[in-house]
Protein backbone atom coordinates (compact mmCIF):
# COMPACT_ATOMS: atom_id res chain seq x y z
CA MET A 1 0.00 0.00 0.00
CA THR A 2 1.13 3.52 -0.72
CA THR A 3 1.47 6.16 1.95
CA SER A 4 -1.51 8.08 0.58
CA VAL A 5 -3.78 5.04 0.83
CA LEU A 6 -2.69 4.40 4.41
CA ALA A 7 -3.39 8.02 5.26
CA ALA A 8 -6.86 7.81 3.71
CA GLU A 9 -7.65 4.67 5.72
CA ALA A 10 -6.44 6.36 8.88
CA ALA A 11 -8.74 9.30 8.20
CA ALA A 12 -11.71 6.99 7.49
CA ALA A 13 -11.85 5.55 11.01
CA PRO A 14 -12.34 8.92 12.74
CA GLY A 15 -14.93 9.80 10.09
CA GLY A 16 -16.91 6.66 10.82
CA GLN A 17 -16.61 7.34 14.52
CA LEU A 18 -17.95 10.88 14.07
CA ILE A 19 -20.95 9.70 12.04
CA ALA A 20 -21.71 7.07 14.67
CA ALA A 21 -21.44 9.72 17.38
CA ALA A 22 -23.94 11.98 15.60
CA LEU A 23 -26.41 9.16 14.96
CA VAL A 24 -26.22 7.81 18.51
CA GLY A 25 -26.51 11.33 19.96
CA ILE A 26 -29.65 12.05 17.93
CA ALA A 27 -31.04 8.60 18.80
CA VAL A 28 -30.48 9.31 22.50
CA ILE A 29 -32.35 12.62 22.21
CA VAL A 30 -35.22 10.93 20.35
CA LEU A 31 -35.42 8.06 22.86
CA LEU A 32 -35.38 10.35 25.87
CA ILE A 33 -38.13 12.60 24.48
CA THR A 34 -40.43 9.99 22.93
CA ARG A 35 -40.05 6.94 25.17
CA LEU A 36 -39.01 8.30 28.55
CA SER A 37 -40.87 11.64 28.38
CA VAL A 38 -37.73 13.56 29.33
CA HIS A 39 -37.96 17.32 28.80
CA PRO A 40 -36.26 18.34 25.51
CA PHE A 41 -33.89 20.65 27.42
CA LEU A 42 -32.46 17.71 29.37
CA ALA A 43 -32.54 15.45 26.32
CA LEU A 44 -30.54 17.92 24.21
CA THR A 45 -28.04 18.45 27.02
CA ILE A 46 -27.48 14.72 27.53
CA GLY A 47 -27.37 14.13 23.77
CA SER A 48 -24.65 16.77 23.41
CA LEU A 49 -22.48 15.05 26.03
CA VAL A 50 -23.03 11.66 24.37
CA VAL A 51 -21.96 13.02 20.98
CA ALA A 52 -18.81 14.59 22.45
CA ALA A 53 -17.91 11.46 24.41
CA MET A 54 -18.32 9.16 21.40
CA ALA A 55 -16.32 11.59 19.25
CA GLY A 56 -13.44 11.27 21.72
CA ARG A 57 -13.52 14.80 23.08
CA PRO A 58 -12.44 15.45 26.70
CA VAL A 59 -15.28 16.12 29.14
CA ALA A 60 -14.04 19.66 29.83
CA ASP A 61 -14.06 20.48 26.11
CA ALA A 62 -17.54 18.97 25.73
CA VAL A 63 -18.89 21.14 28.53
CA THR A 64 -17.17 24.20 27.06
CA SER A 65 -18.71 23.60 23.62
CA PHE A 66 -22.20 23.10 25.01
CA SER A 67 -21.93 26.13 27.31
CA LYS A 68 -20.72 28.35 24.48
CA GLY A 69 -23.54 27.30 22.17
CA PHE A 70 -26.10 27.61 24.95
CA GLY A 71 -24.91 31.10 25.94
CA ASP A 72 -24.58 32.42 22.39
CA THR A 73 -28.05 31.20 21.46
CA ALA A 74 -29.67 32.50 24.64
CA ALA A 75 -28.03 35.90 24.10
CA SER A 76 -28.91 36.22 20.41
CA VAL A 77 -32.24 34.40 20.13
CA GLY A 78 -33.50 34.36 23.72
CA THR A 79 -33.91 38.12 23.90
CA LEU A 80 -35.88 38.13 20.65
CA ILE A 81 -38.20 35.37 21.88
CA ALA A 82 -38.79 37.30 25.11
CA LEU A 83 -39.61 40.50 23.22
CA GLY A 84 -41.91 38.58 20.88
CA ALA A 85 -43.75 37.12 23.86
CA MET A 86 -44.21 40.60 25.37
CA PHE A 87 -45.59 41.90 22.10
CA GLY A 88 -47.98 38.96 21.72
CA LYS A 89 -49.26 39.33 25.27
CA LEU A 90 -49.96 43.04 24.78
CA LEU A 91 -51.77 42.25 21.54
CA ALA A 92 -54.00 39.72 23.29
CA ASP A 93 -54.62 41.60 26.55
CA SER A 94 -55.40 44.93 24.88
CA GLY A 95 -58.14 43.47 22.69
CA GLY A 96 -56.10 44.29 19.58
CA ALA A 97 -56.13 40.67 18.44
CA ASP A 98 -59.91 40.56 18.82
CA GLN A 99 -60.18 43.79 16.83
CA LEU A 100 -58.14 42.34 13.97
CA VAL A 101 -60.24 39.20 13.91
CA ASP A 102 -63.64 40.88 14.18
CA THR A 103 -62.87 43.48 11.51
CA ILE A 104 -61.62 41.00 8.94
CA ILE A 105 -64.40 38.48 9.58
CA GLY A 106 -67.06 41.20 9.61
CA ARG A 107 -66.12 42.25 6.08
CA SER A 108 -66.20 38.75 4.60
CA SER A 109 -68.96 36.84 2.84
CA ALA A 110 -69.67 33.17 3.44
CA ARG A 111 -67.70 32.29 0.30
CA THR A 112 -64.63 34.28 1.30
CA LEU A 113 -64.71 33.34 5.00
CA PRO A 114 -62.08 30.55 4.70
CA TRP A 115 -59.71 33.00 3.03
CA ALA A 116 -60.41 35.59 5.71
CA MET A 117 -59.70 33.00 8.40
CA ALA A 118 -56.38 32.17 6.73
CA LEU A 119 -55.51 35.87 6.81
CA VAL A 120 -56.52 36.09 10.47
CA GLY A 121 -54.40 33.06 11.32
CA ALA A 122 -51.40 34.52 9.51
CA LEU A 123 -51.72 37.96 11.15
CA ILE A 124 -52.19 36.50 14.63
CA GLY A 125 -49.40 34.00 13.98
CA LEU A 126 -46.95 36.71 12.94
CA PRO A 127 -46.14 37.92 16.47
CA MET A 128 -47.42 34.94 18.53
CA PHE A 129 -46.35 31.39 19.26
CA PHE A 130 -48.58 28.72 17.71
CA GLU A 131 -50.12 27.51 20.97
CA ILE A 132 -50.98 31.05 22.12
CA GLY A 133 -52.45 31.95 18.74
CA LEU A 134 -54.54 28.78 18.70
CA VAL A 135 -56.01 29.42 22.14
CA LEU A 136 -56.77 33.00 21.11
CA LEU A 137 -58.45 31.98 17.86
CA MET A 138 -60.58 29.07 19.08
CA PRO A 139 -63.56 31.21 20.23
CA VAL A 140 -63.52 33.01 16.89
CA ILE A 141 -63.34 29.74 14.91
CA PHE A 142 -66.31 28.29 16.83
CA LEU A 143 -68.43 31.43 16.49
CA VAL A 144 -67.72 31.93 12.79
CA ALA A 145 -68.51 28.28 12.05
CA ARG A 146 -71.86 28.48 13.87
CA ARG A 147 -72.94 31.83 12.41
CA SER A 148 -71.91 30.99 8.84
CA GLY A 149 -73.27 27.44 8.86
CA LEU A 150 -69.95 26.18 7.48
CA SER A 151 -68.20 23.05 8.72
CA LEU A 152 -65.90 23.62 11.69
CA LEU A 153 -62.92 22.41 9.66
CA ALA A 154 -63.86 24.56 6.66
CA VAL A 155 -63.27 27.55 8.93
CA GLY A 156 -60.64 26.11 11.28
CA ILE A 157 -58.15 24.54 8.86
CA PRO A 158 -57.39 27.86 7.06
CA ALA A 159 -56.74 29.57 10.41
CA LEU A 160 -54.50 26.71 11.55
CA ALA A 161 -52.60 26.81 8.25
CA GLY A 162 -51.92 30.52 8.74
CA LEU A 163 -50.69 29.98 12.28
CA SER A 164 -48.53 26.97 11.45
CA ALA A 165 -46.87 28.44 8.36
CA MET A 166 -45.89 31.57 10.28
CA HIS A 167 -44.44 29.34 13.02
CA GLY A 168 -42.29 27.40 10.58
CA PHE A 169 -41.18 30.04 8.09
CA ILE A 170 -41.22 33.51 9.62
CA PRO A 171 -38.93 35.08 12.24
CA PRO A 172 -39.26 36.03 15.10
CA HIS A 173 -40.55 32.51 15.85
CA PRO A 174 -37.98 30.40 17.77
CA GLY A 175 -37.25 27.81 15.07
CA PRO A 176 -36.53 30.19 12.17
CA LEU A 177 -34.60 32.52 14.48
CA VAL A 178 -32.32 29.72 15.68
CA ALA A 179 -31.74 28.55 12.11
CA VAL A 180 -30.97 32.12 10.95
CA THR A 181 -28.42 32.47 13.76
CA ALA A 182 -26.85 29.01 13.33
CA LEU A 183 -26.52 29.38 9.56
CA LYS A 184 -25.58 33.08 9.71
CA ALA A 185 -28.35 33.93 7.26
CA ASN A 186 -29.54 37.44 6.44
CA LEU A 187 -32.64 37.91 8.61
CA GLY A 188 -34.36 40.47 6.38
CA LEU A 189 -33.81 38.40 3.26
CA THR A 190 -35.00 35.25 5.04
CA LEU A 191 -38.10 37.06 6.26
CA GLY A 192 -38.90 38.38 2.79
CA LEU A 193 -38.42 35.00 1.10
CA GLY A 194 -40.37 33.36 3.94
CA VAL A 195 -43.35 35.61 3.27
CA LEU A 196 -43.18 34.80 -0.47
CA ILE A 197 -43.26 31.09 0.35
CA ALA A 198 -45.81 31.32 3.16
CA ILE A 199 -48.53 33.11 1.13
CA PRO A 200 -49.10 30.43 -1.56
CA THR A 201 -48.43 27.65 0.95
CA ILE A 202 -51.15 28.94 3.28
CA ALA A 203 -53.56 29.26 0.33
CA ILE A 204 -53.02 25.64 -0.71
CA ALA A 205 -52.92 24.05 2.75
CA GLY A 206 -55.64 26.35 4.13
CA PRO A 207 -58.71 27.42 2.13
CA LEU A 208 -58.13 25.04 -0.80
CA PHE A 209 -57.44 21.96 1.33
CA ALA A 210 -60.31 22.93 3.67
CA ARG A 211 -62.79 22.46 0.81
CA VAL A 212 -61.72 18.83 0.56
CA VAL A 213 -61.24 17.94 4.21
CA ALA A 214 -64.62 19.39 5.22
CA ARG A 215 -66.29 16.72 3.08
CA TRP A 216 -64.79 13.73 4.89
CA VAL A 217 -64.41 15.20 8.39
CA ASP A 218 -67.67 17.04 9.06
CA VAL A 219 -67.97 18.01 12.71
CA PRO A 220 -70.19 20.71 14.23
CA ALA A 221 -68.80 23.58 16.26
CA PRO A 222 -69.17 22.90 20.00
CA GLU A 223 -71.36 25.18 22.10
CA MET A 224 -68.37 26.74 23.84
CA PHE A 225 -68.05 30.54 23.63
CA SER A 226 -71.71 30.86 22.72
CA SER A 227 -71.67 34.66 22.91
CA ALA A 228 -69.31 36.91 21.05
CA GLU A 229 -70.10 39.80 23.33
CA PRO A 230 -67.70 40.43 26.20
CA ALA A 231 -69.05 39.96 29.69
CA PRO A 232 -70.04 43.17 31.46
CA PRO A 233 -67.41 44.57 33.82
CA GLU A 234 -67.54 43.13 37.29
CA THR A 235 -67.97 45.37 40.25
CA GLY A 236 -66.63 45.04 43.73
CA GLY A 237 -67.16 47.30 46.71
CA GLY A 238 -69.20 49.67 44.56
CA THR A 239 -66.27 50.44 42.24
CA ALA A 240 -66.44 49.37 38.61
CA VAL A 241 -63.53 47.43 37.19
CA GLU A 242 -61.60 49.24 34.45
CA THR A 243 -63.56 49.34 31.17
CA ARG A 244 -61.55 48.10 28.19
CA VAL A 245 -61.68 49.97 24.88
CA ARG A 246 -60.16 48.15 21.95
CA PRO A 247 -57.49 49.88 19.87
CA SER A 248 -58.61 50.56 16.31
CA PHE A 249 -58.04 48.10 13.48
CA GLY A 250 -55.64 50.40 11.63
CA VAL A 251 -53.52 51.10 14.69
CA THR A 252 -53.41 47.42 15.63
CA LEU A 253 -52.45 46.28 12.13
CA ALA A 254 -49.75 48.95 11.85
CA THR A 255 -48.32 47.92 15.22
CA VAL A 256 -48.27 44.23 14.29
CA LEU A 257 -46.51 44.92 11.00
CA LEU A 258 -44.03 47.45 12.42
CA PRO A 259 -41.16 45.01 13.25
CA VAL A 260 -41.65 43.21 9.94
CA VAL A 261 -41.47 46.48 8.01
CA LEU A 262 -38.32 47.56 9.86
CA MET A 263 -36.52 44.26 9.21
CA LEU A 264 -37.61 44.08 5.58
CA GLY A 265 -36.69 47.75 5.17
CA LYS A 266 -33.14 47.01 6.28
CA ALA A 267 -32.82 44.25 3.68
CA LEU A 268 -34.11 46.53 0.89
CA VAL A 269 -31.99 49.51 1.91
CA ASP A 270 -28.87 47.31 2.02
CA ILE A 271 -29.57 46.36 -1.60
CA LEU A 272 -30.58 49.77 -2.93
CA THR A 273 -28.17 52.17 -1.17
CA ALA A 274 -24.41 52.45 -1.06
CA GLU A 275 -22.23 51.79 1.97
CA GLY A 276 -22.07 54.86 4.21
CA HIS A 277 -25.42 56.30 3.08
CA LEU A 278 -27.38 57.91 5.93
CA LEU A 279 -30.55 55.91 5.21
CA ARG A 280 -28.53 52.71 5.31
CA ALA A 281 -26.99 53.65 8.64
CA VAL A 282 -30.44 54.35 10.09
CA PHE A 283 -31.92 51.04 8.92
CA ASP A 284 -28.82 49.13 9.98
CA PHE A 285 -29.81 50.21 13.49
CA VAL A 286 -33.63 50.14 13.52
CA GLY A 287 -33.79 47.05 11.26
CA THR A 288 -31.63 44.94 13.54
CA PRO A 289 -33.96 42.27 14.97
CA LEU A 290 -33.34 43.19 18.61
CA ILE A 291 -33.93 46.91 18.00
CA ALA A 292 -36.91 46.31 15.66
CA LEU A 293 -38.69 44.14 18.23
CA LEU A 294 -37.76 46.46 21.08
CA ILE A 295 -39.23 49.42 19.18
CA ALA A 296 -42.34 47.34 18.44
CA VAL A 297 -42.83 46.45 22.13
CA VAL A 298 -42.41 50.06 23.25
CA VAL A 299 -44.82 51.27 20.56
CA ALA A 300 -47.28 48.48 21.47
CA MET A 301 -47.24 49.59 25.11
CA VAL A 302 -48.65 52.91 23.88
CA THR A 303 -50.79 51.99 20.86
CA LEU A 304 -52.16 48.70 22.21
CA GLY A 305 -51.75 49.03 25.96
CA ARG A 306 -52.75 52.63 26.56
CA GLY A 307 -54.79 52.66 23.35
CA GLY A 308 -56.71 49.67 24.67
CA GLY A 309 -57.65 51.44 27.89
CA MET A 310 -54.98 49.80 30.06
CA ASP A 311 -53.39 51.90 32.77
CA LEU A 312 -49.64 51.87 33.42
CA ARG A 313 -49.99 49.11 35.99
CA GLY A 314 -52.02 47.00 33.54
CA VAL A 315 -49.41 47.43 30.81
CA ALA A 316 -46.62 46.48 33.21
CA SER A 317 -48.57 43.43 34.39
CA SER A 318 -49.21 42.27 30.84
CA VAL A 319 -45.52 42.49 29.95
CA GLU A 320 -44.50 40.74 33.17
CA LYS A 321 -46.93 37.84 32.71
CA SER A 322 -45.65 37.19 29.18
CA LEU A 323 -42.31 35.78 30.33
CA PRO A 324 -43.02 32.75 32.60
CA PRO A 325 -44.85 30.74 29.91
CA ILE A 326 -41.85 30.90 27.55
CA ALA A 327 -39.21 29.73 30.05
CA GLY A 328 -39.35 26.18 28.71
CA ILE A 329 -39.09 27.37 25.11
CA LEU A 330 -36.04 29.49 25.93
CA LEU A 331 -34.28 26.54 27.59
CA ILE A 332 -35.04 24.20 24.69
CA VAL A 333 -33.83 26.70 22.10
CA ALA A 334 -30.65 27.48 24.04
CA ALA A 335 -29.93 23.77 24.59
CA GLY A 336 -30.44 23.27 20.87
CA GLY A 337 -27.73 25.89 20.35
CA GLY A 338 -25.48 23.92 22.71
CA PHE A 339 -26.09 20.73 20.73
CA LYS A 340 -25.38 22.59 17.50
CA GLN A 341 -22.06 23.90 18.86
CA THR A 342 -21.08 20.40 19.97
CA LEU A 343 -21.66 19.12 16.44
CA VAL A 344 -19.64 21.99 15.02
CA ASP A 345 -16.70 21.53 17.40
CA THR A 346 -16.49 17.78 16.82
CA GLN A 347 -16.34 18.57 13.07
CA ILE A 348 -19.14 16.14 12.30
CA GLY A 349 -20.82 18.83 10.24
CA ASP A 350 -17.68 19.32 8.14
CA LEU A 351 -17.67 15.60 7.38
CA ILE A 352 -21.32 15.66 6.29
CA ALA A 353 -20.71 18.83 4.30
CA GLY A 354 -17.88 17.17 2.43
CA TRP A 355 -20.09 14.19 1.60
CA VAL A 356 -22.89 16.45 0.35
CA ARG A 357 -20.53 18.48 -1.85
CA GLY A 358 -19.35 15.34 -3.59
CA SER A 359 -22.73 13.60 -3.80
CA GLY A 360 -24.62 16.00 -6.06
CA VAL A 361 -27.60 15.93 -3.70
CA SER A 362 -29.50 19.20 -3.46
CA VAL A 363 -28.54 20.94 -0.23
CA LEU A 364 -32.09 22.30 0.13
CA LEU A 365 -33.64 18.85 -0.31
CA LEU A 366 -31.18 17.35 2.16
CA ALA A 367 -31.94 20.07 4.73
CA TRP A 368 -35.68 19.38 4.42
CA PHE A 369 -35.17 15.61 4.72
CA VAL A 370 -32.98 15.87 7.83
CA ALA A 371 -35.54 18.14 9.51
CA VAL A 372 -38.36 15.73 8.55
CA LEU A 373 -36.58 12.78 10.16
CA ILE A 374 -36.01 14.65 13.42
CA ARG A 375 -39.57 16.02 13.40
CA LEU A 376 -41.02 12.52 12.98
CA ALA A 377 -38.77 11.17 15.71
CA THR A 378 -39.26 13.87 18.33
CA GLY A 379 -42.56 15.54 17.42
CA SER A 380 -41.04 18.97 18.02
CA ALA A 381 -40.73 21.48 15.19
CA THR A 382 -38.30 23.56 17.24
CA VAL A 383 -36.03 20.60 18.11
CA ALA A 384 -36.09 19.52 14.46
CA THR A 385 -35.09 23.01 13.31
CA VAL A 386 -32.24 23.60 15.77
CA THR A 387 -30.79 20.10 15.31
CA ALA A 388 -30.94 20.18 11.51
CA ALA A 389 -29.41 23.67 11.47
CA GLY A 390 -26.51 22.43 13.58
CA ILE A 391 -25.87 19.46 11.31
CA LEU A 392 -25.96 21.56 8.13
CA ALA A 393 -24.14 24.68 9.40
CA PRO A 394 -20.79 23.81 7.72
CA LEU A 395 -22.46 23.86 4.29
CA VAL A 396 -23.07 27.61 4.52
CA SER A 397 -19.53 28.48 3.43
CA THR A 398 -20.37 27.21 -0.07
CA LEU A 399 -23.67 29.12 -0.39
CA ASP A 400 -24.53 32.71 -1.29
CA PRO A 401 -26.85 34.75 0.98
CA GLY A 402 -29.98 33.89 -1.00
CA GLN A 403 -29.28 30.15 -0.90
CA THR A 404 -28.47 30.36 2.82
CA SER A 405 -31.86 31.96 3.51
CA LEU A 406 -33.56 29.25 1.43
CA LEU A 407 -31.66 26.65 3.48
CA VAL A 408 -33.27 28.12 6.62
CA LEU A 409 -36.71 27.90 4.98
CA ALA A 410 -36.14 24.33 3.75
CA ILE A 411 -35.38 23.32 7.33
CA GLY A 412 -38.47 25.20 8.51
CA ALA A 413 -40.62 23.35 5.97
CA GLY A 414 -39.24 19.99 7.06
CA SER A 415 -39.86 20.77 10.72
CA LEU A 416 -43.63 20.94 10.11
CA PHE A 417 -43.99 17.53 8.44
CA PHE A 418 -46.81 15.22 9.67
CA SER A 419 -47.68 16.19 13.22
CA TYR A 420 -48.65 13.03 15.11
CA VAL A 421 -49.12 11.67 18.65
CA ASN A 422 -45.64 12.72 19.82
CA ASP A 423 -46.46 16.38 19.06
CA ALA A 424 -48.26 18.44 21.72
CA GLY A 425 -49.92 20.44 18.95
CA PHE A 426 -51.61 17.27 17.69
CA TRP A 427 -53.44 16.78 20.99
CA LEU A 428 -54.19 20.48 21.38
CA VAL A 429 -55.99 20.58 18.02
CA LYS A 430 -57.70 17.22 18.59
CA GLU A 431 -59.21 18.22 21.93
CA TYR A 432 -60.26 21.72 20.88
CA PHE A 433 -61.96 20.52 17.71
CA GLY A 434 -63.46 17.42 19.33
CA LEU A 435 -61.96 15.04 16.76
CA SER A 436 -61.03 11.38 16.98
CA VAL A 437 -57.39 10.43 16.43
CA GLY A 438 -58.26 9.25 12.91
CA GLN A 439 -60.11 12.46 12.08
CA ASN A 440 -57.22 14.53 13.41
CA VAL A 441 -54.73 12.62 11.24
CA ALA A 442 -56.98 13.08 8.19
CA SER A 443 -57.23 16.83 8.78
CA TRP A 444 -54.57 18.44 10.98
CA SER A 445 -51.72 15.97 10.31
CA LEU A 446 -52.39 15.98 6.58
CA MET A 447 -52.57 19.80 6.57
CA GLU A 448 -49.15 19.98 8.26
CA THR A 449 -47.74 17.60 5.65
CA ILE A 450 -49.16 19.72 2.82
CA ILE A 451 -47.54 22.83 4.34
CA SER A 452 -44.21 21.00 4.58
CA VAL A 453 -44.19 19.58 1.05
CA THR A 454 -45.65 22.70 -0.57
CA GLY A 455 -43.14 24.85 1.28
CA LEU A 456 -40.31 22.65 -0.01
CA VAL A 457 -41.59 22.93 -3.60
CA PHE A 458 -41.61 26.73 -3.43
CA VAL A 459 -38.17 26.74 -1.77
CA LEU A 460 -36.80 24.65 -4.65
CA LEU A 461 -38.51 26.87 -7.22
CA LEU A 462 -37.04 30.00 -5.66
CA GLY A 463 -33.69 28.24 -5.57
CA LEU A 464 -33.71 28.26 -9.37
CA VAL A 465 -33.79 32.06 -9.50
CA VAL A 466 -32.22 33.26 -6.23
């Protein structure tokens, strides 16, 4: 044997060991979450240590890698998630979300109601986590279905499609934000491309699919939330409780779209203006995600909080109560960053990147497939996104900014594939809609799959021109 052949064989053993480490680490995470019901934060932490140990890294180095990834992710993404939660809470507590919903639904005919519900779901899903948006929309879905005489799913599926697509494709949701950070993608460009993909995807998986699914899963709206009118203010000790006045539709919509406009504005200004231009300097500041969301929260405290009749104490209380519910999400996302950093530091990602470069496989298709596998195994869209982003991070060096943003969106599409019994969202939808497991699979699970596959198709189509 020649020296070069011996060297190649020597390099093959560590490569095989690294692949085994990655597969076993992911398997450990999957087993802990799905079989032992371990919290994803603990599962990701343990999985990171398993990967490092099997890759032959010293314990101290493994802890350092995980801690670095955890801290970097918490600092960059955690603050954005916290600001997004504050904004969403103000939107809900002020009555602004109700105002958006009532205005759009009130101007729709029976024929256009499914499309209006898709728009409502997308608007509510823009600043809110999926679970919060679903809870907020359920009374509206029930009432609209009863008043219009349409099937519950004919009204509900479009709203769910809007919520879910925003969750998978559009920052500042946790999954897309983590992927943007891990892959060093341009946030404004990713947001813009995400909106382009989300609009037709929601149309196909929402109103169009709802026409079909309502024929084979026909369930009536339950008698919950039988009155759309708010209860009269309670009184105690002869003093009336504060009367709430909703902010106007225009003010609410402008406030919701403000952070999106600022971030998209930065992307456009970077393209259209030269380096050093004053307008570019301004948008480089206000269009930064942290600053854009911070501005949006401060504005919302005035336009939604005070505009909704809340006093200073009420505004402060709303902001304060937004944080405890997202503690688990923050820990999972940060631990996902730790797992990603472990994969990077063990150079497993470089090995996979080298294989992909020589295989001719589409990077976008591979990213979607990896996210699908992790989604099916764990049931978590967020875990699927952060893990897939970590595995594919080394590929970014070969991609231009447009392709990198599409890589983020391909992962996001894969993370939504076929929600089933290991996904909390599956049970949430099933119980709210009063469906059997079979009916839920035939409606909700299939809708999620349509979003995932349709999203991938549009990602690949954009990849031909971007």
